[in-house]
Each structure stands twice: as C-alpha cells, then as structure tokens.
C-alpha cells in the first residue's frame, strides 16, 4: 500500500493532475526538506480523499484533496 501511494503521487505530480499538485509538491518538498518526506505528508491527504470517495461511493473530490495539500503546505 505504501509504495502504491508513492507511485500514485509520482503519477499525479508528473501529470499535474489534479491541477496544482506539482506546485504543492514543490512547496512541501522545500518545507519538509525532501521530496520523499513531502510525499509521506501528502499521503495523509490522498488517503483521506480516497476514503471519502469510497465511503460516499463517488469520485475523489479533487478540490478537497488540493485544499488538504494546501493547508498542509501552509502549516509546513
């Protein structure tokens, strides 16, 4: 599961989907000292977005996901 989350984040960052995730990743990488550490923090937001989607039987809410990442960046 852990490695799958890293792979999912790498794909999202490389395609910048959802739009803005690449910039969030760069900001978090600087705030936490490495891309790897940033991804560990980002996994909390990704897992929450996936859990909510599964719970509500919907597509993941990209806006809520990005808001979570941006909040994390502002705390970083």
N, C-alpha and C. Protein backbone atom coordinates (compact mmCIF):
# COMPACT_ATOMS: atom_id res chain seq x y z
N UNK A 1 0.83 -1.19 0.00
CA UNK A 1 0.00 0.00 0.00
C UNK A 1 0.88 1.26 0.00
N UNK A 2 1.90 1.25 0.85
CA UNK A 2 2.78 2.40 0.97
C UNK A 2 3.42 2.75 -0.38
N UNK A 3 3.97 1.76 -1.04
CA UNK A 3 4.62 2.00 -2.33
C UNK A 3 3.60 2.41 -3.40
N UNK A 4 2.40 1.87 -3.32
CA UNK A 4 1.35 2.26 -4.27
C UNK A 4 1.01 3.73 -4.12
N UNK A 5 1.02 4.23 -2.90
CA UNK A 5 0.74 5.65 -2.67
C UNK A 5 1.86 6.51 -3.27
N UNK A 6 3.12 6.07 -3.10
CA UNK A 6 4.24 6.80 -3.71
C UNK A 6 4.09 6.83 -5.24
N UNK A 7 3.72 5.71 -5.82
CA UNK A 7 3.54 5.62 -7.27
C UNK A 7 2.40 6.53 -7.72
N UNK A 8 1.29 6.50 -6.99
CA UNK A 8 0.15 7.35 -7.33
C UNK A 8 0.54 8.83 -7.28
N UNK A 9 1.26 9.21 -6.24
CA UNK A 9 1.69 10.60 -6.12
C UNK A 9 2.65 10.98 -7.24
N UNK A 10 3.58 10.08 -7.57
CA UNK A 10 4.53 10.36 -8.65
C UNK A 10 3.79 10.59 -9.96
N UNK A 11 2.77 9.79 -10.22
CA UNK A 11 1.99 9.96 -11.44
C UNK A 11 1.22 11.28 -11.42
N UNK A 12 0.61 11.60 -10.28
CA UNK A 12 -0.13 12.86 -10.17
C UNK A 12 0.80 14.05 -10.38
N UNK A 13 1.97 14.01 -9.78
CA UNK A 13 2.93 15.11 -9.88
C UNK A 13 3.44 15.25 -11.31
N UNK A 14 3.73 14.13 -11.97
CA UNK A 14 4.27 14.20 -13.33
C UNK A 14 3.25 14.74 -14.33
N UNK A 15 1.96 14.50 -14.08
CA UNK A 15 0.91 14.97 -14.99
C UNK A 15 0.23 16.25 -14.49
N UNK A 16 0.61 16.68 -13.29
CA UNK A 16 0.00 17.83 -12.62
C UNK A 16 -1.53 17.70 -12.59
N UNK A 17 -1.96 16.51 -12.22
CA UNK A 17 -3.39 16.23 -12.08
C UNK A 17 -3.66 15.67 -10.71
N UNK A 18 -4.42 16.27 -9.89
CA UNK A 18 -5.20 17.47 -10.15
C UNK A 18 -4.29 18.69 -10.33
N UNK A 19 -4.78 19.60 -11.13
CA UNK A 19 -4.02 20.79 -11.49
C UNK A 19 -3.58 21.54 -10.22
N UNK A 20 -2.29 21.74 -10.09
CA UNK A 20 -1.75 22.43 -8.93
C UNK A 20 -0.99 21.53 -7.98
N UNK A 21 -1.09 20.22 -8.17
CA UNK A 21 -0.42 19.31 -7.24
C UNK A 21 1.10 19.38 -7.37
N UNK A 22 1.59 19.66 -8.57
CA UNK A 22 3.04 19.77 -8.76
C UNK A 22 3.59 20.92 -7.93
N UNK A 23 2.92 22.05 -7.95
CA UNK A 23 3.37 23.21 -7.16
C UNK A 23 3.28 22.90 -5.66
N UNK A 24 2.22 22.22 -5.24
CA UNK A 24 2.11 21.82 -3.82
C UNK A 24 3.26 20.93 -3.43
N UNK A 25 3.59 19.98 -4.30
CA UNK A 25 4.69 19.05 -4.02
C UNK A 25 6.01 19.81 -3.88
N UNK A 26 6.25 20.75 -4.76
CA UNK A 26 7.48 21.54 -4.68
C UNK A 26 7.54 22.33 -3.39
N UNK A 27 6.44 22.94 -3.02
CA UNK A 27 6.38 23.73 -1.79
C UNK A 27 6.58 22.84 -0.57
N UNK A 28 5.93 21.69 -0.56
CA UNK A 28 6.07 20.77 0.57
C UNK A 28 7.47 20.18 0.64
N UNK A 29 8.07 19.92 -0.50
CA UNK A 29 9.44 19.39 -0.52
C UNK A 29 10.40 20.37 0.13
N UNK A 30 10.22 21.64 -0.16
CA UNK A 30 11.07 22.65 0.47
C UNK A 30 10.77 22.77 1.96
N UNK A 31 9.51 22.72 2.31
CA UNK A 31 9.11 22.89 3.71
C UNK A 31 9.59 21.73 4.58
N UNK A 32 9.56 20.50 4.02
CA UNK A 32 9.90 19.33 4.82
C UNK A 32 11.29 18.78 4.53
N UNK A 33 12.03 19.44 3.64
CA UNK A 33 13.43 19.07 3.43
C UNK A 33 13.71 18.03 2.37
N UNK A 34 12.70 17.37 1.85
CA UNK A 34 12.92 16.39 0.78
C UNK A 34 11.60 16.02 0.13
N UNK A 35 11.70 15.59 -1.12
CA UNK A 35 10.50 15.16 -1.85
C UNK A 35 9.90 13.92 -1.18
N UNK A 36 10.76 13.04 -0.70
CA UNK A 36 10.28 11.81 -0.07
C UNK A 36 9.46 12.13 1.18
N UNK A 37 9.97 13.02 2.01
CA UNK A 37 9.24 13.40 3.23
C UNK A 37 7.94 14.12 2.89
N UNK A 38 7.98 14.96 1.85
CA UNK A 38 6.77 15.65 1.41
C UNK A 38 5.71 14.63 1.00
N UNK A 39 6.11 13.61 0.27
CA UNK A 39 5.16 12.59 -0.17
C UNK A 39 4.55 11.85 1.01
N UNK A 40 5.33 11.61 2.04
CA UNK A 40 4.77 10.97 3.23
C UNK A 40 3.68 11.83 3.84
N UNK A 41 3.89 13.13 3.87
CA UNK A 41 2.86 14.05 4.39
C UNK A 41 1.66 14.08 3.46
N UNK A 42 1.90 14.08 2.15
CA UNK A 42 0.84 14.14 1.16
C UNK A 42 -0.04 12.89 1.20
N UNK A 43 0.52 11.78 1.61
CA UNK A 43 -0.23 10.52 1.67
C UNK A 43 -1.44 10.62 2.60
N UNK A 44 -1.33 11.43 3.64
CA UNK A 44 -2.48 11.61 4.54
C UNK A 44 -3.66 12.21 3.78
N UNK A 45 -3.38 13.22 2.97
CA UNK A 45 -4.44 13.87 2.18
C UNK A 45 -4.98 12.92 1.12
N UNK A 46 -4.09 12.20 0.46
CA UNK A 46 -4.52 11.25 -0.57
C UNK A 46 -5.38 10.14 0.03
N UNK A 47 -4.96 9.60 1.14
CA UNK A 47 -5.75 8.51 1.75
C UNK A 47 -7.11 9.01 2.22
N UNK A 48 -7.17 10.23 2.73
CA UNK A 48 -8.45 10.81 3.14
C UNK A 48 -9.37 11.00 1.94
N UNK A 49 -8.83 11.50 0.84
CA UNK A 49 -9.63 11.70 -0.37
C UNK A 49 -10.17 10.37 -0.89
N UNK A 50 -9.34 9.35 -0.87
CA UNK A 50 -9.77 8.03 -1.35
C UNK A 50 -10.79 7.41 -0.40
N UNK A 51 -10.58 7.56 0.89
CA UNK A 51 -11.51 7.01 1.87
C UNK A 51 -12.88 7.67 1.73
N UNK A 52 -12.89 9.00 1.60
CA UNK A 52 -14.16 9.72 1.45
C UNK A 52 -14.88 9.27 0.17
N UNK A 53 -14.14 9.11 -0.91
CA UNK A 53 -14.75 8.67 -2.17
C UNK A 53 -15.36 7.28 -2.03
N UNK A 54 -14.64 6.39 -1.38
CA UNK A 54 -15.16 5.04 -1.18
C UNK A 54 -16.37 5.07 -0.26
N UNK A 55 -16.29 5.83 0.78
CA UNK A 55 -17.39 5.93 1.76
C UNK A 55 -18.65 6.49 1.11
N UNK A 56 -18.48 7.49 0.23
CA UNK A 56 -19.62 8.16 -0.40
C UNK A 56 -19.98 7.59 -1.76
N UNK A 57 -19.23 6.58 -2.19
CA UNK A 57 -19.44 5.95 -3.50
C UNK A 57 -19.43 7.01 -4.61
N UNK A 58 -18.37 7.85 -4.59
CA UNK A 58 -18.20 8.92 -5.56
C UNK A 58 -16.77 8.93 -6.07
N UNK A 59 -16.53 9.78 -7.04
CA UNK A 59 -15.15 10.02 -7.48
C UNK A 59 -14.45 10.83 -6.39
N UNK A 60 -13.13 10.69 -6.29
CA UNK A 60 -12.42 11.52 -5.31
C UNK A 60 -12.63 13.01 -5.60
N UNK A 61 -12.80 13.78 -4.55
CA UNK A 61 -13.02 15.22 -4.66
C UNK A 61 -11.66 15.91 -4.79
N UNK A 62 -11.31 16.29 -6.02
CA UNK A 62 -10.01 16.90 -6.28
C UNK A 62 -9.85 18.23 -5.55
N UNK A 63 -10.92 18.98 -5.42
CA UNK A 63 -10.85 20.27 -4.73
C UNK A 63 -10.53 20.07 -3.26
N UNK A 64 -11.21 19.14 -2.62
CA UNK A 64 -10.95 18.86 -1.20
C UNK A 64 -9.53 18.33 -1.01
N UNK A 65 -9.09 17.51 -1.94
CA UNK A 65 -7.73 16.95 -1.90
C UNK A 65 -6.70 18.07 -1.98
N UNK A 66 -6.86 18.97 -2.95
CA UNK A 66 -5.93 20.09 -3.08
C UNK A 66 -6.00 21.03 -1.89
N UNK A 67 -7.19 21.25 -1.36
CA UNK A 67 -7.32 22.09 -0.16
C UNK A 67 -6.56 21.48 1.01
N UNK A 68 -6.62 20.17 1.15
CA UNK A 68 -5.89 19.48 2.21
C UNK A 68 -4.38 19.67 2.02
N UNK A 69 -3.91 19.53 0.78
CA UNK A 69 -2.49 19.71 0.49
C UNK A 69 -2.05 21.14 0.74
N UNK A 70 -2.87 22.10 0.33
CA UNK A 70 -2.53 23.49 0.54
C UNK A 70 -2.50 23.85 2.02
N UNK A 71 -3.42 23.29 2.80
CA UNK A 71 -3.41 23.50 4.25
C UNK A 71 -2.14 22.93 4.85
N UNK A 72 -1.74 21.77 4.37
CA UNK A 72 -0.51 21.14 4.84
C UNK A 72 0.68 22.03 4.51
N UNK A 73 0.70 22.59 3.31
CA UNK A 73 1.80 23.47 2.89
C UNK A 73 1.85 24.73 3.75
N UNK A 74 0.69 25.25 4.11
CA UNK A 74 0.68 26.48 4.92
C UNK A 74 1.15 26.22 6.35
N UNK A 75 1.00 24.97 6.83
CA UNK A 75 1.47 24.61 8.17
C UNK A 75 2.95 24.26 8.14
N UNK A 76 3.43 23.74 6.97
CA UNK A 76 4.79 23.25 6.83
C UNK A 76 5.81 24.23 7.25
